PDB file of all heavy atoms in Angstrom:
ATOM      1  N   LYS A   1      73.377  19.857 -48.877  1.00  0.00           N
ATOM      2  CA  LYS A   1      73.278  18.479 -49.410  1.00  0.00           C
ATOM      3  C   LYS A   1      72.016  17.800 -48.873  1.00  0.00           C
ATOM      4  O   LYS A   1      71.334  17.062 -49.584  1.00  0.00           O
ATOM      5  CB  LYS A   1      74.514  17.657 -49.001  1.00  0.00           C
ATOM      6  CG  LYS A   1      75.783  18.031 -49.742  1.00  0.00           C
ATOM      7  CD  LYS A   1      75.792  17.413 -51.129  1.00  0.00           C
ATOM      8  CE  LYS A   1      77.058  17.731 -51.879  1.00  0.00           C
ATOM      9  NZ  LYS A   1      76.991  17.301 -53.276  1.00  0.00           N
ATOM     10  N   GLN A   2      71.725  18.046 -47.602  1.00  0.00           N
ATOM     11  CA  GLN A   2      70.537  17.421 -47.014  1.00  0.00           C
ATOM     12  C   GLN A   2      69.255  17.978 -47.641  1.00  0.00           C
ATOM     13  O   GLN A   2      68.309  17.223 -47.879  1.00  0.00           O
ATOM     14  CB  GLN A   2      70.550  17.614 -45.488  1.00  0.00           C
ATOM     15  CG  GLN A   2      71.691  16.845 -44.830  1.00  0.00           C
ATOM     16  CD  GLN A   2      71.563  16.747 -43.319  1.00  0.00           C
ATOM     17  OE1 GLN A   2      71.411  17.736 -42.626  1.00  0.00           O
ATOM     18  NE2 GLN A   2      71.650  15.539 -42.800  1.00  0.00           N
ATOM     19  N   ILE A   3      69.235  19.284 -47.935  1.00  0.00           N
ATOM     20  CA  ILE A   3      68.072  19.855 -48.635  1.00  0.00           C
ATOM     21  C   ILE A   3      67.891  19.140 -49.976  1.00  0.00           C
ATOM     22  O   ILE A   3      66.779  18.776 -50.372  1.00  0.00           O
ATOM     23  CB  ILE A   3      68.255  21.377 -48.875  1.00  0.00           C
ATOM     24  CG1 ILE A   3      68.286  22.149 -47.552  1.00  0.00           C
ATOM     25  CG2 ILE A   3      67.126  21.922 -49.768  1.00  0.00           C
ATOM     26  CD1 ILE A   3      68.708  23.613 -47.689  1.00  0.00           C
ATOM     27  N   GLY A   4      69.011  18.912 -50.689  1.00  0.00           N
ATOM     28  CA  GLY A   4      68.968  18.224 -51.979  1.00  0.00           C
ATOM     29  C   GLY A   4      68.478  16.797 -51.858  1.00  0.00           C
ATOM     30  O   GLY A   4      67.644  16.337 -52.652  1.00  0.00           O
ATOM     31  N   ASN A   5      68.964  16.075 -50.856  1.00  0.00           N
ATOM     32  CA  ASN A   5      68.552  14.677 -50.668  1.00  0.00           C
ATOM     33  C   ASN A   5      67.066  14.562 -50.345  1.00  0.00           C
ATOM     34  O   ASN A   5      66.391  13.625 -50.768  1.00  0.00           O
ATOM     35  CB  ASN A   5      69.388  14.016 -49.572  1.00  0.00           C
ATOM     36  CG  ASN A   5      70.795  13.708 -50.044  1.00  0.00           C
ATOM     37  OD1 ASN A   5      71.047  13.579 -51.245  1.00  0.00           O
ATOM     38  ND2 ASN A   5      71.737  13.593 -49.120  1.00  0.00           N
ATOM     39  N   VAL A   6      66.545  15.534 -49.582  1.00  0.00           N
ATOM     40  CA  VAL A   6      65.103  15.545 -49.271  1.00  0.00           C
ATOM     41  C   VAL A   6      64.304  15.807 -50.550  1.00  0.00           C
ATOM     42  O   VAL A   6      63.236  15.225 -50.769  1.00  0.00           O
ATOM     43  CB  VAL A   6      64.797  16.590 -48.170  1.00  0.00           C
ATOM     44  CG1 VAL A   6      63.293  16.845 -48.039  1.00  0.00           C
ATOM     45  CG2 VAL A   6      65.368  16.122 -46.826  1.00  0.00           C
ATOM     46  N   ALA A   7      64.863  16.657 -51.438  1.00  0.00           N
ATOM     47  CA  ALA A   7      64.192  16.955 -52.719  1.00  0.00           C
ATOM     48  C   ALA A   7      64.093  15.722 -53.608  1.00  0.00           C
ATOM     49  O   ALA A   7      63.327  15.710 -54.571  1.00  0.00           O
ATOM     50  CB  ALA A   7      64.942  18.073 -53.449  1.00  0.00           C
ATOM     51  N   ALA A   8      64.859  14.676 -53.290  1.00  0.00           N
ATOM     52  CA  ALA A   8      64.835  13.435 -54.078  1.00  0.00           C
ATOM     53  C   ALA A   8      63.859  12.397 -53.508  1.00  0.00           C
ATOM     54  O   ALA A   8      63.733  11.306 -54.058  1.00  0.00           O
ATOM     55  CB  ALA A   8      66.246  12.845 -54.136  1.00  0.00           C
ATOM     56  N   LEU A   9      63.179  12.717 -52.406  1.00  0.00           N
ATOM     57  CA  LEU A   9      62.253  11.736 -51.813  1.00  0.00           C
ATOM     58  C   LEU A   9      60.989  11.604 -52.664  1.00  0.00           C
ATOM     59  O   LEU A   9      60.511  12.582 -53.244  1.00  0.00           O
ATOM     60  CB  LEU A   9      61.874  12.165 -50.386  1.00  0.00           C
ATOM     61  CG  LEU A   9      62.978  12.017 -49.323  1.00  0.00           C
ATOM     62  CD1 LEU A   9      62.529  12.639 -48.007  1.00  0.00           C
ATOM     63  CD2 LEU A   9      63.347  10.549 -49.105  1.00  0.00           C
ATOM     64  N   PRO A  10      60.409  10.387 -52.733  1.00  0.00           N
ATOM     65  CA  PRO A  10      59.203  10.174 -53.544  1.00  0.00           C
ATOM     66  C   PRO A  10      58.013  10.985 -53.041  1.00  0.00           C
ATOM     67  O   PRO A  10      57.769  11.049 -51.837  1.00  0.00           O
ATOM     68  CB  PRO A  10      58.926   8.669 -53.366  1.00  0.00           C
ATOM     69  CG  PRO A  10      60.214   8.070 -52.892  1.00  0.00           C
ATOM     70  CD  PRO A  10      60.913   9.138 -52.113  1.00  0.00           C
ATOM     71  N   GLY A  11      57.303  11.606 -53.973  1.00  0.00           N
ATOM     72  CA  GLY A  11      56.050  12.294 -53.632  1.00  0.00           C
ATOM     73  C   GLY A  11      56.196  13.724 -53.144  1.00  0.00           C
ATOM     74  O   GLY A  11      55.194  14.368 -52.817  1.00  0.00           O
ATOM     75  N   ILE A  12      57.443  14.247 -53.101  1.00  0.00           N
ATOM     76  CA  ILE A  12      57.626  15.623 -52.625  1.00  0.00           C
ATOM     77  C   ILE A  12      57.043  16.604 -53.650  1.00  0.00           C
ATOM     78  O   ILE A  12      57.120  16.361 -54.852  1.00  0.00           O
ATOM     79  CB  ILE A  12      59.121  15.924 -52.340  1.00  0.00           C
ATOM     80  CG1 ILE A  12      59.273  17.315 -51.677  1.00  0.00           C
ATOM     81  CG2 ILE A  12      59.989  15.798 -53.581  1.00  0.00           C
ATOM     82  CD1 ILE A  12      60.665  17.608 -51.135  1.00  0.00           C
ATOM     83  N   VAL A  13      56.439  17.693 -53.162  1.00  0.00           N
ATOM     84  CA  VAL A  13      55.895  18.719 -54.056  1.00  0.00           C
ATOM     85  C   VAL A  13      56.483  20.083 -53.684  1.00  0.00           C
ATOM     86  O   VAL A  13      57.009  20.264 -52.589  1.00  0.00           O
ATOM     87  CB  VAL A  13      54.348  18.794 -53.995  1.00  0.00           C
ATOM     88  CG1 VAL A  13      53.712  17.533 -54.543  1.00  0.00           C
ATOM     89  CG2 VAL A  13      53.864  19.072 -52.572  1.00  0.00           C
ATOM     90  N   GLY A  14      56.359  21.031 -54.614  1.00  0.00           N
ATOM     91  CA  GLY A  14      56.872  22.379 -54.357  1.00  0.00           C
ATOM     92  C   GLY A  14      58.381  22.392 -54.377  1.00  0.00           C
ATOM     93  O   GLY A  14      59.005  22.070 -55.387  1.00  0.00           O
ATOM     94  N   ARG A  15      58.980  22.704 -53.237  1.00  0.00           N
ATOM     95  CA  ARG A  15      60.438  22.720 -53.110  1.00  0.00           C
ATOM     96  C   ARG A  15      60.835  22.167 -51.753  1.00  0.00           C
ATOM     97  O   ARG A  15      60.045  22.216 -50.801  1.00  0.00           O
ATOM     98  CB  ARG A  15      60.957  24.163 -53.214  1.00  0.00           C
ATOM     99  CG  ARG A  15      60.554  24.861 -54.504  1.00  0.00           C
ATOM    100  CD  ARG A  15      61.067  26.290 -54.576  1.00  0.00           C
ATOM    101  NE  ARG A  15      60.481  27.155 -53.563  1.00  0.00           N
ATOM    102  CZ  ARG A  15      60.717  28.466 -53.470  1.00  0.00           C
ATOM    103  NH1 ARG A  15      61.532  29.045 -54.326  1.00  0.00           N
ATOM    104  NH2 ARG A  15      60.154  29.205 -52.546  1.00  0.00           N
ATOM    105  N   SER A  16      62.046  21.654 -51.660  1.00  0.00           N
ATOM    106  CA  SER A  16      62.618  21.301 -50.361  1.00  0.00           C
ATOM    107  C   SER A  16      63.170  22.599 -49.779  1.00  0.00           C
ATOM    108  O   SER A  16      64.011  23.251 -50.393  1.00  0.00           O
ATOM    109  CB  SER A  16      63.738  20.272 -50.550  1.00  0.00           C
ATOM    110  OG  SER A  16      64.403  20.029 -49.330  1.00  0.00           O
ATOM    111  N   VAL A  17      62.658  23.008 -48.614  1.00  0.00           N
ATOM    112  CA  VAL A  17      62.918  24.359 -48.093  1.00  0.00           C
ATOM    113  C   VAL A  17      63.879  24.320 -46.905  1.00  0.00           C
ATOM    114  O   VAL A  17      63.656  23.594 -45.933  1.00  0.00           O
ATOM    115  CB  VAL A  17      61.593  25.028 -47.657  1.00  0.00           C
ATOM    116  CG1 VAL A  17      61.852  26.413 -47.063  1.00  0.00           C
ATOM    117  CG2 VAL A  17      60.620  25.114 -48.827  1.00  0.00           C
ATOM    118  N   GLY A  18      64.936  25.136 -46.985  1.00  0.00           N
ATOM    119  CA  GLY A  18      65.855  25.330 -45.867  1.00  0.00           C
ATOM    120  C   GLY A  18      65.643  26.711 -45.282  1.00  0.00           C
ATOM    121  O   GLY A  18      65.711  27.721 -45.996  1.00  0.00           O
ATOM    122  N   LEU A  19      65.343  26.783 -43.998  1.00  0.00           N
ATOM    123  CA  LEU A  19      65.086  28.067 -43.334  1.00  0.00           C
ATOM    124  C   LEU A  19      66.390  28.630 -42.764  1.00  0.00           C
ATOM    125  O   LEU A  19      67.390  27.908 -42.676  1.00  0.00           O
ATOM    126  CB  LEU A  19      63.995  27.861 -42.287  1.00  0.00           C
ATOM    127  CG  LEU A  19      62.675  27.504 -43.004  1.00  0.00           C
ATOM    128  CD1 LEU A  19      61.799  26.621 -42.173  1.00  0.00           C
ATOM    129  CD2 LEU A  19      61.940  28.749 -43.466  1.00  0.00           C
ATOM    130  N   PRO A  20      66.432  29.901 -42.376  1.00  0.00           N
ATOM    131  CA  PRO A  20      67.713  30.533 -42.040  1.00  0.00           C
ATOM    132  C   PRO A  20      68.469  29.911 -40.856  1.00  0.00           C
ATOM    133  O   PRO A  20      69.677  30.087 -40.735  1.00  0.00           O
ATOM    134  CB  PRO A  20      67.328  31.979 -41.702  1.00  0.00           C
ATOM    135  CG  PRO A  20      66.003  32.189 -42.317  1.00  0.00           C
ATOM    136  CD  PRO A  20      65.318  30.864 -42.348  1.00  0.00           C
ATOM    137  N   ASP A  21      67.762  29.180 -39.987  1.00  0.00           N
ATOM    138  CA  ASP A  21      68.432  28.548 -38.842  1.00  0.00           C
ATOM    139  C   ASP A  21      68.895  27.129 -39.168  1.00  0.00           C
ATOM    140  O   ASP A  21      69.226  26.351 -38.283  1.00  0.00           O
ATOM    141  CB  ASP A  21      67.504  28.528 -37.620  1.00  0.00           C
ATOM    142  CG  ASP A  21      66.099  28.038 -37.937  1.00  0.00           C
ATOM    143  OD1 ASP A  21      65.730  27.985 -39.125  1.00  0.00           O
ATOM    144  OD2 ASP A  21      65.349  27.719 -36.984  1.00  0.00           O
ATOM    145  N   ILE A  22      68.947  26.788 -40.452  1.00  0.00           N
ATOM    146  CA  ILE A  22      69.256  25.408 -40.857  1.00  0.00           C
ATOM    147  C   ILE A  22      70.655  24.973 -40.409  1.00  0.00           C
ATOM    148  O   ILE A  22      71.605  25.749 -40.449  1.00  0.00           O
ATOM    149  CB  ILE A  22      69.099  25.254 -42.390  1.00  0.00           C
ATOM    150  CG1 ILE A  22      69.158  23.779 -42.789  1.00  0.00           C
ATOM    151  CG2 ILE A  22      70.118  26.093 -43.156  1.00  0.00           C
ATOM    152  CD1 ILE A  22      68.652  23.519 -44.199  1.00  0.00           C
ATOM    153  N   HIS A  23      70.746  23.738 -39.934  1.00  0.00           N
ATOM    154  CA  HIS A  23      72.050  23.113 -39.657  1.00  0.00           C
ATOM    155  C   HIS A  23      71.881  21.596 -39.755  1.00  0.00           C
ATOM    156  O   HIS A  23      70.772  21.072 -39.672  1.00  0.00           O
ATOM    157  CB  HIS A  23      72.618  23.531 -38.303  1.00  0.00           C
ATOM    158  CG  HIS A  23      71.709  23.275 -37.132  1.00  0.00           C
ATOM    159  ND1 HIS A  23      70.553  23.999 -36.917  1.00  0.00           N
ATOM    160  CD2 HIS A  23      71.777  22.397 -36.111  1.00  0.00           C
ATOM    161  CE1 HIS A  23      69.964  23.574 -35.812  1.00  0.00           C
ATOM    162  NE2 HIS A  23      70.678  22.593 -35.310  1.00  0.00           N
ATOM    163  N   SER A  24      72.989  20.902 -39.967  1.00  0.00           N
ATOM    164  CA  SER A  24      72.950  19.464 -40.255  1.00  0.00           C
ATOM    165  C   SER A  24      72.223  18.689 -39.160  1.00  0.00           C
ATOM    166  O   SER A  24      72.389  18.956 -37.977  1.00  0.00           O
ATOM    167  CB  SER A  24      74.385  18.930 -40.364  1.00  0.00           C
ATOM    168  OG  SER A  24      75.038  19.594 -41.412  1.00  0.00           O
ATOM    169  N   GLY A  25      71.436  17.710 -39.592  1.00  0.00           N
ATOM    170  CA  GLY A  25      70.711  16.870 -38.648  1.00  0.00           C
ATOM    171  C   GLY A  25      70.627  15.443 -39.162  1.00  0.00           C
ATOM    172  O   GLY A  25      71.254  15.099 -40.165  1.00  0.00           O
TER     173      GLY A  25
END
């Protein structure tokens, strides 16, 4: 969900990327 919310921020390009050690912050 957090990856998705970051993808909604203004001006983001490419993709919102989650790396294998990802955990909620």
